[in-house]
Amino acid sequence: MMMSNIGIVQSGNQYQLFLPTNICVLHLAFPPDHQYMRDAKALDYITKALAIRWGVYEQGKKQVD
């Protein structure tokens, strides 16, 4: 899965976050409560901050229909 140009690999309640060059920049464990939607929301903020810090953030363009 990708968020903010950061790759995410999930194993249960643990997540590894990778730059586009396959360098692991974070290993993260959330509580084992199966609240994956809450984990995803937290990962959205975390990946955006990491992407900005590592200079890989690409802001998406909003489409107007």
Protein backbone atom coordinates (compact mmCIF):
# COMPACT_ATOMS: atom_id res chain seq x y z
CA MET A 1 0.00 0.00 0.00
CA MET A 2 1.18 3.55 -0.66
CA MET A 3 0.36 6.71 1.27
CA SER A 4 1.96 10.07 0.50
CA ASN A 5 4.56 8.32 -1.68
CA ILE A 6 5.64 6.14 1.27
CA GLY A 7 5.31 2.37 0.90
CA ILE A 8 3.63 0.49 3.75
CA VAL A 9 3.98 -3.20 4.56
CA GLN A 10 1.61 -4.56 7.22
CA SER A 11 2.02 -7.66 9.35
CA GLY A 12 -0.80 -7.88 11.89
CA ASN A 13 -0.63 -4.71 13.96
CA GLN A 14 2.93 -3.87 12.86
CA TYR A 15 3.83 -1.63 9.94
CA GLN A 16 7.08 -0.92 8.09
CA LEU A 17 7.32 2.29 6.09
CA PHE A 18 9.62 2.56 3.08
CA LEU A 19 10.86 5.37 0.86
CA PRO A 20 10.47 4.95 -2.91
CA THR A 21 14.12 3.74 -2.92
CA ASN A 22 13.11 0.80 -0.64
CA ILE A 23 14.86 2.22 2.43
CA CYS A 24 12.95 1.41 5.62
CA VAL A 25 12.48 4.64 7.60
CA LEU A 26 10.07 3.45 10.30
CA HIS A 27 8.90 0.29 12.03
CA LEU A 28 5.69 0.95 13.93
CA ALA A 29 3.44 -1.18 16.14
CA PHE A 30 -0.10 -0.20 17.08
CA PRO A 31 -2.13 -1.90 19.84
CA PRO A 32 -3.43 -5.34 18.79
CA ASP A 33 -7.07 -4.19 18.93
CA HIS A 34 -7.97 -4.77 15.24
CA GLN A 35 -8.88 -1.10 14.76
CA TYR A 36 -7.41 -0.94 11.25
CA MET A 37 -9.37 2.13 10.15
CA ARG A 38 -7.94 4.09 13.09
CA ASP A 39 -4.48 2.76 12.24
CA ALA A 40 -4.95 3.92 8.64
CA LYS A 41 -5.94 7.43 9.75
CA ALA A 42 -2.88 7.65 12.01
CA LEU A 43 -0.68 6.32 9.20
CA ASP A 44 -2.05 9.04 6.91
CA TYR A 45 -0.66 11.75 9.20
CA ILE A 46 2.60 9.88 9.87
CA THR A 47 3.35 9.14 6.21
CA LYS A 48 2.63 12.72 5.18
CA ALA A 49 5.05 14.07 7.80
CA LEU A 50 7.73 11.53 6.83
CA ALA A 51 7.29 12.21 3.12
CA ILE A 52 7.71 15.96 3.67
CA ARG A 53 10.78 15.37 5.88
CA TRP A 54 12.43 13.02 3.37
CA GLY A 55 11.49 15.20 0.39
CA VAL A 56 9.31 12.66 -1.40
CA TYR A 57 5.89 14.23 -0.78
CA GLU A 58 3.89 14.88 -3.94
CA GLN A 59 0.71 16.76 -3.30
CA GLY A 60 -2.18 15.25 -5.21
CA LYS A 61 -4.20 17.41 -7.57
CA LYS A 62 -7.92 17.65 -7.01
CA GLN A 63 -10.00 16.83 -10.06
CA VAL A 64 -12.98 18.94 -10.93
CA ASP A 65 -15.72 17.24 -12.95
